[in-house]
């Protein structure tokens, strides 16, 4: 499970054997969230979250949006089309 990005101690992961649509798993000590990337331009959209507060989810979503231009090409390298 390659870590693509780190945001404030959280790991942003794209699993090699995962499915479409393009999405990332954000993993922290207290929870995990999955965001659909809506490539190529975003914005990321929450699919599910466990253990994160609503405030944390919104912050993560904003941080992912700031990195969408990096995340979408990496998804494409691993999986092909979005």
PDB file of N, CA and C in Angstrom:
ATOM      1  N   UNK A   1       0.840  -1.171   0.000  1.00  0.00           N
ATOM      2  CA  UNK A   1       0.000   0.000   0.000  1.00  0.00           C
ATOM      3  C   UNK A   1       0.884   1.233   0.000  1.00  0.00           C
ATOM      4  N   UNK A   2       1.086   1.798  -1.168  1.00  0.00           N
ATOM      5  CA  UNK A   2       1.979   2.948  -1.260  1.00  0.00           C
ATOM      6  C   UNK A   2       1.375   4.219  -0.674  1.00  0.00           C
ATOM      7  N   UNK A   3       2.153   4.862   0.167  1.00  0.00           N
ATOM      8  CA  UNK A   3       1.765   6.168   0.684  1.00  0.00           C
ATOM      9  C   UNK A   3       2.144   7.197  -0.372  1.00  0.00           C
ATOM     10  N   UNK A   4       1.156   7.915  -0.856  1.00  0.00           N
ATOM     11  CA  UNK A   4       1.350   8.886  -1.923  1.00  0.00           C
ATOM     12  C   UNK A   4       1.701  10.258  -1.367  1.00  0.00           C
ATOM     13  N   UNK A   5       1.145  10.556  -0.188  1.00  0.00           N
ATOM     14  CA  UNK A   5       1.268  11.892   0.388  1.00  0.00           C
ATOM     15  C   UNK A   5       1.080  11.774   1.894  1.00  0.00           C
ATOM     16  N   UNK A   6       1.670  12.681   2.627  1.00  0.00           N
ATOM     17  CA  UNK A   6       1.431  12.797   4.078  1.00  0.00           C
ATOM     18  C   UNK A   6       0.898  14.193   4.348  1.00  0.00           C
ATOM     19  N   UNK A   7      -0.190  14.233   5.111  1.00  0.00           N
ATOM     20  CA  UNK A   7      -0.815  15.507   5.476  1.00  0.00           C
ATOM     21  C   UNK A   7      -1.005  15.519   6.984  1.00  0.00           C
ATOM     22  N   UNK A   8      -0.289  16.388   7.671  1.00  0.00           N
ATOM     23  CA  UNK A   8      -0.428  16.538   9.130  1.00  0.00           C
ATOM     24  C   UNK A   8      -0.435  15.195   9.856  1.00  0.00           C
ATOM     25  N   UNK A   9       0.504  14.328   9.530  1.00  0.00           N
ATOM     26  CA  UNK A   9       0.618  13.041  10.201  1.00  0.00           C
ATOM     27  C   UNK A   9      -0.310  11.960   9.664  1.00  0.00           C
ATOM     28  N   UNK A  10      -1.113  12.274   8.665  1.00  0.00           N
ATOM     29  CA  UNK A  10      -2.014  11.299   8.051  1.00  0.00           C
ATOM     30  C   UNK A  10      -1.369  10.772   6.771  1.00  0.00           C
ATOM     31  N   UNK A  11      -1.625   9.501   6.482  1.00  0.00           N
ATOM     32  CA  UNK A  11      -1.120   8.896   5.248  1.00  0.00           C
ATOM     33  C   UNK A  11      -2.216   8.909   4.196  1.00  0.00           C
ATOM     34  N   UNK A  12      -1.879   9.349   2.995  1.00  0.00           N
ATOM     35  CA  UNK A  12      -2.793   9.301   1.855  1.00  0.00           C
ATOM     36  C   UNK A  12      -2.310   8.150   0.979  1.00  0.00           C
ATOM     37  N   UNK A  13      -3.186   7.146   0.798  1.00  0.00           N
ATOM     38  CA  UNK A  13      -2.800   5.885   0.182  1.00  0.00           C
ATOM     39  C   UNK A  13      -3.668   5.603  -1.032  1.00  0.00           C
ATOM     40  N   UNK A  14      -3.037   5.051  -2.086  1.00  0.00           N
ATOM     41  CA  UNK A  14      -3.758   4.477  -3.217  1.00  0.00           C
ATOM     42  C   UNK A  14      -3.352   3.010  -3.279  1.00  0.00           C
ATOM     43  N   UNK A  15      -4.310   2.118  -3.117  1.00  0.00           N
ATOM     44  CA  UNK A  15      -4.028   0.690  -3.149  1.00  0.00           C
ATOM     45  C   UNK A  15      -3.858   0.215  -4.593  1.00  0.00           C
ATOM     46  N   UNK A  16      -2.824  -0.577  -4.876  1.00  0.00           N
ATOM     47  CA  UNK A  16      -2.578  -1.024  -6.243  1.00  0.00           C
ATOM     48  C   UNK A  16      -3.687  -1.907  -6.824  1.00  0.00           C
ATOM     49  N   UNK A  17      -4.370  -2.668  -5.998  1.00  0.00           N
ATOM     50  CA  UNK A  17      -5.408  -3.576  -6.487  1.00  0.00           C
ATOM     51  C   UNK A  17      -6.808  -3.004  -6.305  1.00  0.00           C
ATOM     52  N   UNK A  18      -6.922  -1.701  -6.217  1.00  0.00           N
ATOM     53  CA  UNK A  18      -8.209  -1.067  -5.918  1.00  0.00           C
ATOM     54  C   UNK A  18      -9.028  -0.864  -7.188  1.00  0.00           C
ATOM     55  N   UNK A  19     -10.188  -0.305  -7.043  1.00  0.00           N
ATOM     56  CA  UNK A  19     -11.193  -0.177  -8.099  1.00  0.00           C
ATOM     57  C   UNK A  19     -11.445   1.289  -8.420  1.00  0.00           C
ATOM     58  N   UNK A  20     -12.122   1.522  -9.519  1.00  0.00           N
ATOM     59  CA  UNK A  20     -12.571   2.860  -9.888  1.00  0.00           C
ATOM     60  C   UNK A  20     -13.863   3.156  -9.145  1.00  0.00           C
ATOM     61  N   UNK A  21     -14.240   4.386  -8.986  1.00  0.00           N
ATOM     62  CA  UNK A  21     -13.603   5.606  -9.477  1.00  0.00           C
ATOM     63  C   UNK A  21     -12.326   5.921  -8.695  1.00  0.00           C
ATOM     64  N   UNK A  22     -11.536   6.827  -9.254  1.00  0.00           N
ATOM     65  CA  UNK A  22     -10.290   7.237  -8.616  1.00  0.00           C
ATOM     66  C   UNK A  22     -10.587   7.747  -7.210  1.00  0.00           C
ATOM     67  N   UNK A  23      -9.862   7.207  -6.231  1.00  0.00           N
ATOM     68  CA  UNK A  23     -10.078   7.609  -4.842  1.00  0.00           C
ATOM     69  C   UNK A  23      -8.815   7.345  -4.030  1.00  0.00           C
ATOM     70  N   UNK A  24      -8.773   7.943  -2.850  1.00  0.00           N
ATOM     71  CA  UNK A  24      -7.668   7.736  -1.916  1.00  0.00           C
ATOM     72  C   UNK A  24      -8.226   7.357  -0.556  1.00  0.00           C
ATOM     73  N   UNK A  25      -7.403   6.652   0.192  1.00  0.00           N
ATOM     74  CA  UNK A  25      -7.691   6.327   1.582  1.00  0.00           C
ATOM     75  C   UNK A  25      -6.785   7.216   2.426  1.00  0.00           C
ATOM     76  N   UNK A  26      -7.361   7.889   3.392  1.00  0.00           N
ATOM     77  CA  UNK A  26      -6.594   8.737   4.304  1.00  0.00           C
ATOM     78  C   UNK A  26      -6.618   8.045   5.654  1.00  0.00           C
ATOM     79  N   UNK A  27      -5.431   7.681   6.148  1.00  0.00           N
ATOM     80  CA  UNK A  27      -5.313   6.844   7.331  1.00  0.00           C
ATOM     81  C   UNK A  27      -4.554   7.587   8.419  1.00  0.00           C
ATOM     82  N   UNK A  28      -5.157   7.618   9.599  1.00  0.00           N
ATOM     83  CA  UNK A  28      -4.531   8.224  10.764  1.00  0.00           C
ATOM     84  C   UNK A  28      -4.656   7.304  11.955  1.00  0.00           C
ATOM     85  N   UNK A  29      -4.086   7.697  13.056  1.00  0.00           N
ATOM     86  CA  UNK A  29      -4.122   6.871  14.263  1.00  0.00           C
ATOM     87  C   UNK A  29      -5.544   6.656  14.757  1.00  0.00           C
ATOM     88  N   UNK A  30      -6.416   7.634  14.524  1.00  0.00           N
ATOM     89  CA  UNK A  30      -7.767   7.559  15.082  1.00  0.00           C
ATOM     90  C   UNK A  30      -8.852   7.248  14.061  1.00  0.00           C
ATOM     91  N   UNK A  31      -8.488   7.070  12.790  1.00  0.00           N
ATOM     92  CA  UNK A  31      -9.541   6.815  11.827  1.00  0.00           C
ATOM     93  C   UNK A  31      -9.047   6.640  10.419  1.00  0.00           C
ATOM     94  N   UNK A  32     -10.015   6.455   9.533  1.00  0.00           N
ATOM     95  CA  UNK A  32      -9.751   6.321   8.106  1.00  0.00           C
ATOM     96  C   UNK A  32     -10.906   6.954   7.351  1.00  0.00           C
ATOM     97  N   UNK A  33     -10.578   7.567   6.234  1.00  0.00           N
ATOM     98  CA  UNK A  33     -11.590   8.161   5.364  1.00  0.00           C
ATOM     99  C   UNK A  33     -11.240   7.827   3.922  1.00  0.00           C
ATOM    100  N   UNK A  34     -12.276   7.732   3.094  1.00  0.00           N
ATOM    101  CA  UNK A  34     -12.093   7.479   1.667  1.00  0.00           C
ATOM    102  C   UNK A  34     -12.710   8.655   0.920  1.00  0.00           C
ATOM    103  N   UNK A  35     -11.933   9.214   0.004  1.00  0.00           N
ATOM    104  CA  UNK A  35     -12.393  10.350  -0.786  1.00  0.00           C
ATOM    105  C   UNK A  35     -12.320  10.005  -2.263  1.00  0.00           C
ATOM    106  N   UNK A  36     -13.424  10.188  -2.982  1.00  0.00           N
ATOM    107  CA  UNK A  36     -13.441  10.107  -4.432  1.00  0.00           C
ATOM    108  C   UNK A  36     -12.734  11.369  -4.935  1.00  0.00           C
ATOM    109  N   UNK A  37     -11.799  11.218  -5.863  1.00  0.00           N
ATOM    110  CA  UNK A  37     -11.002  12.366  -6.306  1.00  0.00           C
ATOM    111  C   UNK A  37     -11.701  13.231  -7.351  1.00  0.00           C
ATOM    112  N   UNK A  38     -12.630  12.664  -8.117  1.00  0.00           N
ATOM    113  CA  UNK A  38     -13.284  13.401  -9.213  1.00  0.00           C
ATOM    114  C   UNK A  38     -12.248  13.985 -10.170  1.00  0.00           C
ATOM    115  N   UNK A  39     -11.336  13.110 -10.588  1.00  0.00           N
ATOM    116  CA  UNK A  39     -10.273  13.504 -11.514  1.00  0.00           C
ATOM    117  C   UNK A  39     -10.855  13.871 -12.870  1.00  0.00           C
ATOM    118  N   UNK A  40     -10.188  14.769 -13.558  1.00  0.00           N
ATOM    119  CA  UNK A  40      -8.852  15.258 -13.262  1.00  0.00           C
ATOM    120  C   UNK A  40      -8.803  16.527 -12.418  1.00  0.00           C
ATOM    121  N   UNK A  41      -9.924  17.224 -12.230  1.00  0.00           N
ATOM    122  CA  UNK A  41      -9.850  18.524 -11.569  1.00  0.00           C
ATOM    123  C   UNK A  41     -10.458  18.618 -10.189  1.00  0.00           C
ATOM    124  N   UNK A  42     -11.003  17.505  -9.676  1.00  0.00           N
ATOM    125  CA  UNK A  42     -11.615  17.550  -8.355  1.00  0.00           C
ATOM    126  C   UNK A  42     -12.982  18.194  -8.411  1.00  0.00           C
ATOM    127  N   UNK A  43     -13.535  18.577  -7.305  1.00  0.00           N
ATOM    128  CA  UNK A  43     -12.987  18.498  -5.958  1.00  0.00           C
ATOM    129  C   UNK A  43     -13.186  17.111  -5.352  1.00  0.00           C
ATOM    130  N   UNK A  44     -12.344  16.751  -4.371  1.00  0.00           N
ATOM    131  CA  UNK A  44     -12.517  15.479  -3.683  1.00  0.00           C
ATOM    132  C   UNK A  44     -13.861  15.456  -2.954  1.00  0.00           C
ATOM    133  N   UNK A  45     -14.449  14.271  -2.897  1.00  0.00           N
ATOM    134  CA  UNK A  45     -15.772  14.099  -2.275  1.00  0.00           C
ATOM    135  C   UNK A  45     -15.704  12.927  -1.293  1.00  0.00           C
ATOM    136  N   UNK A  46     -16.152  13.152  -0.084  1.00  0.00           N
ATOM    137  CA  UNK A  46     -16.121  12.109   0.941  1.00  0.00           C
ATOM    138  C   UNK A  46     -17.032  10.948   0.556  1.00  0.00           C
ATOM    139  N   UNK A  47     -16.491   9.730   0.585  1.00  0.00           N
ATOM    140  CA  UNK A  47     -17.295   8.530   0.394  1.00  0.00           C
ATOM    141  C   UNK A  47     -17.674   7.922   1.739  1.00  0.00           C
ATOM    142  N   UNK A  48     -16.691   7.834   2.636  1.00  0.00           N
ATOM    143  CA  UNK A  48     -16.956   7.306   3.974  1.00  0.00           C
ATOM    144  C   UNK A  48     -15.829   7.694   4.916  1.00  0.00           C
ATOM    145  N   UNK A  49     -16.157   7.763   6.197  1.00  0.00           N
ATOM    146  CA  UNK A  49     -15.150   8.103   7.198  1.00  0.00           C
ATOM    147  C   UNK A  49     -15.490   7.432   8.517  1.00  0.00           C
ATOM    148  N   UNK A  50     -14.441   6.993   9.207  1.00  0.00           N
ATOM    149  CA  UNK A  50     -14.592   6.365  10.518  1.00  0.00           C
ATOM    150  C   UNK A  50     -13.540   6.948  11.452  1.00  0.00           C
ATOM    151  N   UNK A  51     -13.967   7.429  12.598  1.00  0.00           N
ATOM    152  CA  UNK A  51     -13.039   7.882  13.618  1.00  0.00           C
ATOM    153  C   UNK A  51     -12.588   9.331  13.513  1.00  0.00           C
ATOM    154  N   UNK A  52     -12.834   9.988  12.406  1.00  0.00           N
ATOM    155  CA  UNK A  52     -12.491  11.401  12.264  1.00  0.00           C
ATOM    156  C   UNK A  52     -13.700  12.260  12.599  1.00  0.00           C
ATOM    157  N   UNK A  53     -13.455  13.413  13.219  1.00  0.00           N
ATOM    158  CA  UNK A  53     -14.535  14.365  13.458  1.00  0.00           C
ATOM    159  C   UNK A  53     -14.911  15.027  12.131  1.00  0.00           C
ATOM    160  N   UNK A  54     -16.067  15.657  12.106  1.00  0.00           N
ATOM    161  CA  UNK A  54     -16.494  16.390  10.907  1.00  0.00           C
ATOM    162  C   UNK A  54     -15.495  17.492  10.567  1.00  0.00           C
ATOM    163  N   UNK A  55     -14.974  18.115  11.578  1.00  0.00           N
ATOM    164  CA  UNK A  55     -13.980  19.169  11.376  1.00  0.00           C
ATOM    165  C   UNK A  55     -12.718  18.597  10.706  1.00  0.00           C
ATOM    166  N   UNK A  56     -12.268  17.424  11.186  1.00  0.00           N
ATOM    167  CA  UNK A  56     -11.107  16.772  10.582  1.00  0.00           C
ATOM    168  C   UNK A  56     -11.374  16.423   9.120  1.00  0.00           C
ATOM    169  N   UNK A  57     -12.559  15.884   8.846  1.00  0.00           N
ATOM    170  CA  UNK A  57     -12.915  15.490   7.484  1.00  0.00           C
ATOM    171  C   UNK A  57     -12.880  16.700   6.551  1.00  0.00           C
ATOM    172  N   UNK A  58     -13.423  17.807   6.989  1.00  0.00           N
ATOM    173  CA  UNK A  58     -13.419  19.014   6.154  1.00  0.00           C
ATOM    174  C   UNK A  58     -12.006  19.528   5.902  1.00  0.00           C
ATOM    175  N   UNK A  59     -11.160  19.452   6.914  1.00  0.00           N
ATOM    176  CA  UNK A  59      -9.762  19.882   6.756  1.00  0.00           C
ATOM    177  C   UNK A  59      -9.032  18.959   5.784  1.00  0.00           C
ATOM    178  N   UNK A  60      -9.247  17.656   5.920  1.00  0.00           N
ATOM    179  CA  UNK A  60      -8.610  16.693   5.021  1.00  0.00           C
ATOM    180  C   UNK A  60      -9.078  16.928   3.587  1.00  0.00           C
ATOM    181  N   UNK A  61     -10.373  17.150   3.427  1.00  0.00           N
ATOM    182  CA  UNK A  61     -10.935  17.380   2.098  1.00  0.00           C
ATOM    183  C   UNK A  61     -10.293  18.602   1.436  1.00  0.00           C
ATOM    184  N   UNK A  62     -10.119  19.664   2.204  1.00  0.00           N
ATOM    185  CA  UNK A  62      -9.480  20.871   1.682  1.00  0.00           C
ATOM    186  C   UNK A  62      -8.027  20.603   1.320  1.00  0.00           C
ATOM    187  N   UNK A  63      -7.317  19.875   2.179  1.00  0.00           N
ATOM    188  CA  UNK A  63      -5.923  19.554   1.900  1.00  0.00           C
ATOM    189  C   UNK A  63      -5.794  18.689   0.645  1.00  0.00           C
ATOM    190  N   UNK A  64      -6.693  17.727   0.468  1.00  0.00           N
ATOM    191  CA  UNK A  64      -6.667  16.897  -0.735  1.00  0.00           C
ATOM    192  C   UNK A  64      -6.924  17.740  -1.983  1.00  0.00           C
ATOM    193  N   UNK A  65      -7.856  18.679  -1.879  1.00  0.00           N
ATOM    194  CA  UNK A  65      -8.149  19.558  -3.022  1.00  0.00           C
ATOM    195  C   UNK A  65      -6.901  20.333  -3.436  1.00  0.00           C
ATOM    196  N   UNK A  66      -6.093  20.727  -2.464  1.00  0.00           N
ATOM    197  CA  UNK A  66      -4.860  21.456  -2.764  1.00  0.00           C
ATOM    198  C   UNK A  66      -3.842  20.584  -3.508  1.00  0.00           C
ATOM    199  N   UNK A  67      -3.998  19.252  -3.418  1.00  0.00           N
ATOM    200  CA  UNK A  67      -3.043  18.314  -4.014  1.00  0.00           C
ATOM    201  C   UNK A  67      -3.647  17.494  -5.150  1.00  0.00           C
ATOM    202  N   UNK A  68      -4.822  17.881  -5.636  1.00  0.00           N
ATOM    203  CA  UNK A  68      -5.510  17.085  -6.662  1.00  0.00           C
ATOM    204  C   UNK A  68      -4.663  16.937  -7.929  1.00  0.00           C
ATOM    205  N   UNK A  69      -3.899  17.948  -8.271  1.00  0.00           N
ATOM    206  CA  UNK A  69      -3.053  17.898  -9.475  1.00  0.00           C
ATOM    207  C   UNK A  69      -1.923  16.883  -9.334  1.00  0.00           C
ATOM    208  N   UNK A  70      -1.600  16.492  -8.123  1.00  0.00           N
ATOM    209  CA  UNK A  70      -0.599  15.452  -7.880  1.00  0.00           C
ATOM    210  C   UNK A  70      -1.265  14.082  -7.761  1.00  0.00           C
ATOM    211  N   UNK A  71      -2.387  14.019  -7.070  1.00  0.00           N
ATOM    212  CA  UNK A  71      -3.036  12.737  -6.781  1.00  0.00           C
ATOM    213  C   UNK A  71      -3.616  12.065  -8.020  1.00  0.00           C
ATOM    214  N   UNK A  72      -4.255  12.827  -8.892  1.00  0.00           N
ATOM    215  CA  UNK A  72      -4.887  12.230 -10.071  1.00  0.00           C
ATOM    216  C   UNK A  72      -3.876  11.571 -11.011  1.00  0.00           C
ATOM    217  N   UNK A  73      -2.747  12.215 -11.319  1.00  0.00           N
ATOM    218  CA  UNK A  73      -1.759  11.534 -12.161  1.00  0.00           C
ATOM    219  C   UNK A  73      -1.191  10.257 -11.520  1.00  0.00           C
ATOM    220  N   UNK A  74      -1.040  10.254 -10.209  1.00  0.00           N
ATOM    221  CA  UNK A  74      -0.543   9.045  -9.543  1.00  0.00           C
ATOM    222  C   UNK A  74      -1.577   7.928  -9.669  1.00  0.00           C
ATOM    223  N   UNK A  75      -2.859   8.246  -9.466  1.00  0.00           N
ATOM    224  CA  UNK A  75      -3.909   7.239  -9.653  1.00  0.00           C
ATOM    225  C   UNK A  75      -3.813   6.674 -11.074  1.00  0.00           C
ATOM    226  N   UNK A  76      -3.669   7.544 -12.043  1.00  0.00           N
ATOM    227  CA  UNK A  76      -3.606   7.134 -13.443  1.00  0.00           C
ATOM    228  C   UNK A  76      -2.378   6.250 -13.705  1.00  0.00           C
ATOM    229  N   UNK A  77      -1.245   6.557 -13.110  1.00  0.00           N
ATOM    230  CA  UNK A  77      -0.043   5.725 -13.260  1.00  0.00           C
ATOM    231  C   UNK A  77      -0.282   4.316 -12.736  1.00  0.00           C
ATOM    232  N   UNK A  78      -1.003   4.191 -11.638  1.00  0.00           N
ATOM    233  CA  UNK A  78      -1.238   2.898 -11.002  1.00  0.00           C
ATOM    234  C   UNK A  78      -2.358   2.128 -11.688  1.00  0.00           C
ATOM    235  N   UNK A  79      -3.450   2.824 -12.058  1.00  0.00           N
ATOM    236  CA  UNK A  79      -4.670   2.154 -12.509  1.00  0.00           C
ATOM    237  C   UNK A  79      -5.088   2.450 -13.946  1.00  0.00           C
ATOM    238  N   UNK A  80      -4.445   3.386 -14.603  1.00  0.00           N
ATOM    239  CA  UNK A  80      -4.905   3.773 -15.925  1.00  0.00           C
ATOM    240  C   UNK A  80      -5.944   4.864 -15.812  1.00  0.00           C
ATOM    241  N   UNK A  81      -6.997   4.759 -16.601  1.00  0.00           N
ATOM    242  CA  UNK A  81      -8.046   5.791 -16.614  1.00  0.00           C
ATOM    243  C   UNK A  81      -8.636   6.016 -15.224  1.00  0.00           C
ATOM    244  N   UNK A  82      -9.230   7.191 -15.082  1.00  0.00           N
ATOM    245  CA  UNK A  82      -9.847   7.564 -13.816  1.00  0.00           C
ATOM    246  C   UNK A  82     -11.117   6.796 -13.624  1.00  0.00           C
TER     247      UNK A  82
END
